[in-house]
Amino acid sequence: MSRYRVAEDQFPETLDSLVPEFLPALPLDPFDGNPLRIKTTDQELVLYSVGPDGADDDGAPSDGQARAGDLTFRLSR
């Protein structure tokens, strides 16, 4: 993400934008086998996995006690 941002002066809108120049293939979510997801807002980019519950919560952070939400990595714009 950071290398793309330096090259393009913005974060990618999709993970497909990173292949093949920045990644050899799309990274897969170990919980459902689909590509990891990204969500962009005015403030940040969120790279996320559906997490152990297998539900796509649109990048909502995981709540360890409720065992819901996604596993997220956030980058500020």
Protein backbone atom coordinates (compact mmCIF):
# COMPACT_ATOMS: atom_id res chain seq x y z
CA MET A 1 0.00 0.00 0.00
CA SER A 2 2.75 2.43 0.94
CA ARG A 3 4.78 1.74 -2.21
CA TYR A 4 1.69 2.29 -4.36
CA ARG A 5 0.95 5.50 -2.49
CA VAL A 6 4.46 6.81 -3.14
CA ALA A 7 4.26 5.91 -6.85
CA GLU A 8 0.68 7.11 -7.46
CA ASP A 9 0.31 9.80 -4.76
CA GLN A 10 -2.78 8.02 -3.39
CA PHE A 11 -3.83 4.69 -1.96
CA PRO A 12 -5.24 2.10 -4.38
CA GLU A 13 -9.00 1.92 -4.72
CA THR A 14 -8.83 -1.88 -5.18
CA LEU A 15 -6.30 -4.57 -4.38
CA ASP A 16 -6.26 -5.50 -8.08
CA SER A 17 -4.35 -2.24 -8.64
CA LEU A 18 -1.37 -3.72 -6.79
CA VAL A 19 -0.93 -6.77 -9.06
CA PRO A 20 1.59 -7.45 -10.56
CA GLU A 21 3.70 -4.33 -10.01
CA PHE A 22 3.53 -4.33 -6.20
CA LEU A 23 2.29 -7.85 -5.41
CA PRO A 24 2.65 -11.08 -7.41
CA ALA A 25 -0.95 -12.09 -6.58
CA LEU A 26 -3.87 -10.93 -4.47
CA PRO A 27 -3.45 -11.86 -0.79
CA LEU A 28 -6.11 -14.31 0.32
CA ASP A 29 -8.15 -14.13 3.48
CA PRO A 30 -7.27 -17.24 5.51
CA PHE A 31 -10.80 -17.38 6.92
CA ASP A 32 -12.78 -17.62 3.68
CA GLY A 33 -10.21 -18.05 0.88
CA ASN A 34 -11.32 -14.90 -0.95
CA PRO A 35 -8.97 -11.94 -1.52
CA LEU A 36 -8.51 -9.61 1.43
CA ARG A 37 -10.81 -6.60 1.26
CA ILE A 38 -10.14 -2.88 1.33
CA LYS A 39 -12.37 0.00 2.22
CA THR A 40 -11.45 3.64 1.75
CA THR A 41 -12.79 6.67 3.57
CA ASP A 42 -11.74 10.31 3.51
CA GLN A 43 -9.54 9.67 6.55
CA GLU A 44 -8.10 6.18 6.00
CA LEU A 45 -7.72 2.99 4.05
CA VAL A 46 -8.80 -0.20 5.83
CA LEU A 47 -7.35 -3.54 4.74
CA TYR A 48 -9.32 -6.33 6.36
CA SER A 49 -10.10 -10.02 6.74
CA VAL A 50 -13.55 -11.33 7.64
CA GLY A 51 -12.00 -12.92 10.74
CA PRO A 52 -12.95 -16.11 12.54
CA ASP A 53 -16.71 -15.49 12.40
CA GLY A 54 -16.55 -15.54 8.57
CA ALA A 55 -18.90 -12.56 8.25
CA ASP A 56 -17.93 -9.49 6.23
CA ASP A 57 -18.64 -6.60 8.60
CA ASP A 58 -17.41 -3.99 6.08
CA GLY A 59 -14.17 -3.35 7.96
CA ALA A 60 -15.71 -2.88 11.40
CA PRO A 61 -13.02 -3.71 13.97
CA SER A 62 -13.20 -7.01 15.78
CA ASP A 63 -14.76 -7.13 19.20
CA GLY A 64 -12.90 -9.86 21.06
CA GLN A 65 -15.60 -10.40 23.65
CA ALA A 66 -18.50 -10.61 21.21
CA ARG A 67 -16.33 -12.50 18.70
CA ALA A 68 -17.70 -10.36 15.90
CA GLY A 69 -16.21 -7.89 13.47
CA ASP A 70 -13.30 -8.02 11.05
CA LEU A 71 -9.55 -8.18 11.52
CA THR A 72 -8.38 -4.77 10.31
CA PHE A 73 -5.22 -2.89 9.41
CA ARG A 74 -5.72 0.86 9.07
CA LEU A 75 -3.58 3.39 7.19
CA SER A 76 -4.20 7.11 7.61
CA ARG A 77 -4.49 9.20 4.49
